[in-house]
Amino acid sequence: MNVTEQSNVTEQSNVTEQSNGTDQSNVTEQSNVTEQSNVTEQSARDLAILEQLNLDYNRADQASDAERFSEFLAEDFIVQTPGVTRTRDEYLEYIAKPRPFKDLALIESRIRLLGDVALIHGRARYSLVSDGSVQEALYTDTYQKRDGVWVCISACAIAPGA
């Protein structure tokens, strides 16, 4: 539930309690501030975790670190890159091989937290090993919080040469 949805639920709760004829507005307001604060604090923690996972994803990609990927890719993970769809196992096998690029750098990213799902949209720059040309890639990674842990369930990249 995002902050806007939480706010709407809180407003509905206030109306319900006030219509019961009891004046609990101060208690309700304090409770709502606490609930919203907890949602905001949790969202901030989730965003920090997701930011780190995004950095880890990019570092592991550059370093062919299949072991690190195995720690945060969901068992049902699917990745799509131009012309190819891979399962988790296929991707781990692929990522363990030497990368066809170097100097991978994250240019920008945006995280959209949607309850227990998050989308990370990003843009990265890299150089192809084959000819040294500089390329840019766009990607969207989808994470889901499962049993309190964020895991990557899907990735899609538009990445020439990668």
Protein backbone atom coordinates (compact mmCIF):
# COMPACT_ATOMS: atom_id res chain seq x y z
CA MET A 1 0.00 0.00 0.00
CA ASN A 2 1.59 3.30 -0.98
CA VAL A 3 1.47 6.50 1.05
CA THR A 4 -1.43 7.93 -0.99
CA GLU A 5 -3.49 4.79 -0.47
CA GLN A 6 -2.55 4.82 3.23
CA SER A 7 -3.71 8.42 3.46
CA ASN A 8 -7.05 7.57 1.84
CA VAL A 9 -7.59 4.65 4.23
CA THR A 10 -6.69 6.92 7.14
CA GLU A 11 -9.21 9.57 6.05
CA GLN A 12 -11.93 6.95 5.73
CA SER A 13 -11.06 5.65 9.19
CA ASN A 14 -11.36 9.17 10.64
CA VAL A 15 -14.81 9.65 9.14
CA THR A 16 -15.98 6.29 10.49
CA GLU A 17 -14.74 6.94 14.03
CA GLN A 18 -16.20 10.45 14.11
CA SER A 19 -19.58 9.25 12.88
CA ASN A 20 -19.77 6.81 15.81
CA GLY A 21 -20.46 9.82 18.04
CA THR A 22 -17.22 9.70 20.00
CA ASP A 23 -14.73 12.53 19.85
CA GLN A 24 -11.46 10.72 19.33
CA SER A 25 -10.10 13.16 16.77
CA ASN A 26 -6.89 13.93 18.69
CA VAL A 27 -6.18 10.27 19.35
CA THR A 28 -7.04 9.38 15.78
CA GLU A 29 -4.83 12.15 14.36
CA GLN A 30 -1.88 11.03 16.50
CA SER A 31 -2.44 7.44 15.47
CA ASN A 32 -2.63 8.42 11.81
CA VAL A 33 0.57 10.44 12.00
CA THR A 34 2.31 7.44 13.57
CA GLU A 35 0.94 5.06 10.92
CA GLN A 36 1.94 7.40 8.12
CA SER A 37 5.36 7.89 9.70
CA ASN A 38 5.84 4.12 9.89
CA VAL A 39 4.80 3.79 6.23
CA THR A 40 7.24 6.55 5.29
CA GLU A 41 10.05 5.01 7.35
CA GLN A 42 9.39 1.59 5.82
CA SER A 43 9.27 3.13 2.35
CA ALA A 44 12.58 4.88 2.98
CA ARG A 45 14.15 1.58 4.12
CA ASP A 46 12.71 -0.24 1.10
CA LEU A 47 14.00 2.47 -1.26
CA ALA A 48 17.49 2.25 0.26
CA ILE A 49 17.49 -1.54 -0.14
CA LEU A 50 16.27 -1.27 -3.74
CA GLU A 51 18.88 1.38 -4.56
CA GLN A 52 21.58 -0.95 -3.26
CA LEU A 53 20.17 -3.90 -5.19
CA ASN A 54 20.20 -1.80 -8.35
CA LEU A 55 23.87 -0.95 -7.80
CA ASP A 56 24.64 -4.60 -6.99
CA TYR A 57 22.85 -5.74 -10.16
CA ASN A 58 24.98 -3.44 -12.30
CA ARG A 59 28.24 -4.31 -10.51
CA ALA A 60 27.52 -8.03 -10.72
CA ASP A 61 26.70 -7.66 -14.42
CA GLN A 62 30.05 -5.97 -15.15
CA ALA A 63 31.98 -8.45 -13.02
CA SER A 64 30.26 -11.62 -14.33
CA ASP A 65 29.34 -12.32 -10.71
CA ALA A 66 26.75 -15.08 -11.05
CA GLU A 67 27.08 -15.86 -7.34
CA ARG A 68 25.89 -12.37 -6.34
CA PHE A 69 23.01 -12.58 -8.82
CA SER A 70 21.97 -15.92 -7.33
CA GLU A 71 21.46 -14.16 -3.99
CA PHE A 72 18.77 -11.75 -5.20
CA LEU A 73 17.20 -13.30 -8.31
CA ALA A 74 13.89 -15.03 -7.59
CA GLU A 75 13.60 -18.71 -8.48
CA ASP A 76 11.00 -17.76 -11.13
CA PHE A 77 13.11 -14.89 -12.54
CA ILE A 78 12.83 -14.13 -16.27
CA VAL A 79 15.04 -11.72 -18.23
CA GLN A 80 14.52 -10.37 -21.72
CA THR A 81 17.20 -8.76 -23.81
CA PRO A 82 17.02 -8.11 -27.55
CA GLY A 83 16.00 -11.38 -29.18
CA VAL A 84 16.38 -13.55 -26.07
CA THR A 85 14.30 -14.63 -23.08
CA ARG A 86 16.16 -16.47 -20.32
CA THR A 87 15.15 -18.23 -17.12
CA ARG A 88 17.07 -17.70 -13.90
CA ASP A 89 19.35 -20.70 -14.49
CA GLU A 90 19.99 -19.72 -18.11
CA TYR A 91 20.79 -16.17 -17.05
CA LEU A 92 23.17 -17.27 -14.30
CA GLU A 93 25.00 -19.46 -16.81
CA TYR A 94 25.12 -16.56 -19.29
CA ILE A 95 26.24 -13.96 -16.74
CA ALA A 96 29.14 -16.16 -15.54
CA LYS A 97 30.80 -15.83 -18.96
CA PRO A 98 33.07 -12.89 -19.78
CA ARG A 99 31.01 -9.81 -20.52
CA PRO A 100 31.08 -8.32 -24.04
CA PHE A 101 31.41 -4.84 -22.52
CA LYS A 102 33.48 -2.91 -20.01
CA ASP A 103 33.23 0.33 -18.03
CA LEU A 104 29.55 -0.15 -17.19
CA ALA A 105 28.32 3.04 -15.53
CA LEU A 106 24.88 3.80 -14.20
CA ILE A 107 23.75 7.14 -15.61
CA GLU A 108 20.34 7.42 -14.01
CA SER A 109 17.70 5.35 -12.30
CA ARG A 110 14.21 5.83 -10.96
CA ILE A 111 12.58 3.54 -8.43
CA ARG A 112 8.81 3.25 -8.28
CA LEU A 113 7.61 1.59 -5.10
CA LEU A 114 4.17 0.03 -5.56
CA GLY A 115 3.45 -1.78 -2.31
CA ASP A 116 5.28 -5.11 -2.35
CA VAL A 117 6.39 -4.57 -5.96
CA ALA A 118 8.98 -2.10 -7.21
CA LEU A 119 10.04 -1.09 -10.69
CA ILE A 120 13.52 0.24 -11.32
CA HIS A 121 13.92 2.11 -14.59
CA GLY A 122 17.47 2.95 -15.52
CA ARG A 123 19.97 4.01 -18.12
CA ALA A 124 23.56 2.84 -18.25
CA ARG A 125 26.58 3.44 -20.48
CA TYR A 126 29.29 0.95 -21.41
CA SER A 127 32.00 0.30 -23.99
CA LEU A 128 31.95 -2.76 -26.22
CA VAL A 129 35.07 -4.89 -25.90
CA SER A 130 34.96 -5.79 -29.60
CA ASP A 131 35.40 -2.28 -31.00
CA GLY A 132 35.47 0.16 -28.07
CA SER A 133 32.28 1.90 -29.15
CA VAL A 134 30.26 3.52 -26.38
CA GLN A 135 26.66 2.32 -26.03
CA GLU A 136 23.75 3.13 -23.79
CA ALA A 137 21.19 0.71 -22.45
CA LEU A 138 17.73 1.21 -20.99
CA TYR A 139 16.40 -1.29 -18.50
CA THR A 140 13.47 -2.04 -16.24
CA ASP A 141 13.91 -4.45 -13.36
CA THR A 142 10.94 -5.66 -11.35
CA TYR A 143 11.37 -6.56 -7.70
CA GLN A 144 8.89 -8.14 -5.33
CA LYS A 145 9.05 -8.32 -1.56
CA ARG A 146 8.61 -11.99 -0.66
CA ASP A 147 8.65 -13.06 2.97
CA GLY A 148 10.13 -9.66 3.85
CA VAL A 149 12.97 -9.87 1.31
CA TRP A 150 13.22 -7.98 -2.00
CA VAL A 151 14.01 -10.28 -4.95
CA CYS A 152 14.28 -9.51 -8.64
CA ILE A 153 11.51 -11.32 -10.49
CA SER A 154 11.96 -9.86 -13.96
CA ALA A 155 14.34 -7.77 -16.00
CA CYS A 156 14.16 -6.27 -19.46
CA ALA A 157 16.99 -4.45 -21.17
CA ILE A 158 17.30 -2.66 -24.46
CA ALA A 159 21.04 -2.90 -24.85
CA PRO A 160 22.76 -2.80 -28.24
CA GLY A 161 25.75 -5.12 -28.36
CA ALA A 162 25.26 -6.58 -24.91
